[in-house]
Amino acid sequence: MGQQIENCTGQKIYYMQNNPTAENIATHLKNEIFPKLFVGQNFFIASLKLYETLNCFVEV
């Protein structure tokens, strides 16, 4: 079904092993995506704050 959505909309579907909750997305970004995105840089991501709304966020 994801491939059909991609074909109709032209948008890429990103698949995760967990449910796409804010907590799981933030953890996935911090542990999987950012280390690959910033490989070879002289810094690391100590924490990440992901906002769902102005007053609702998760921090990992």
Foldseek 3Di string as FASTA:
>chain_A
DQVVVCVVPVDHDDDDPDPPDLVVVQVCCQPPPVCVVQPPDPDHDPKDWDDPDPPDIDMD
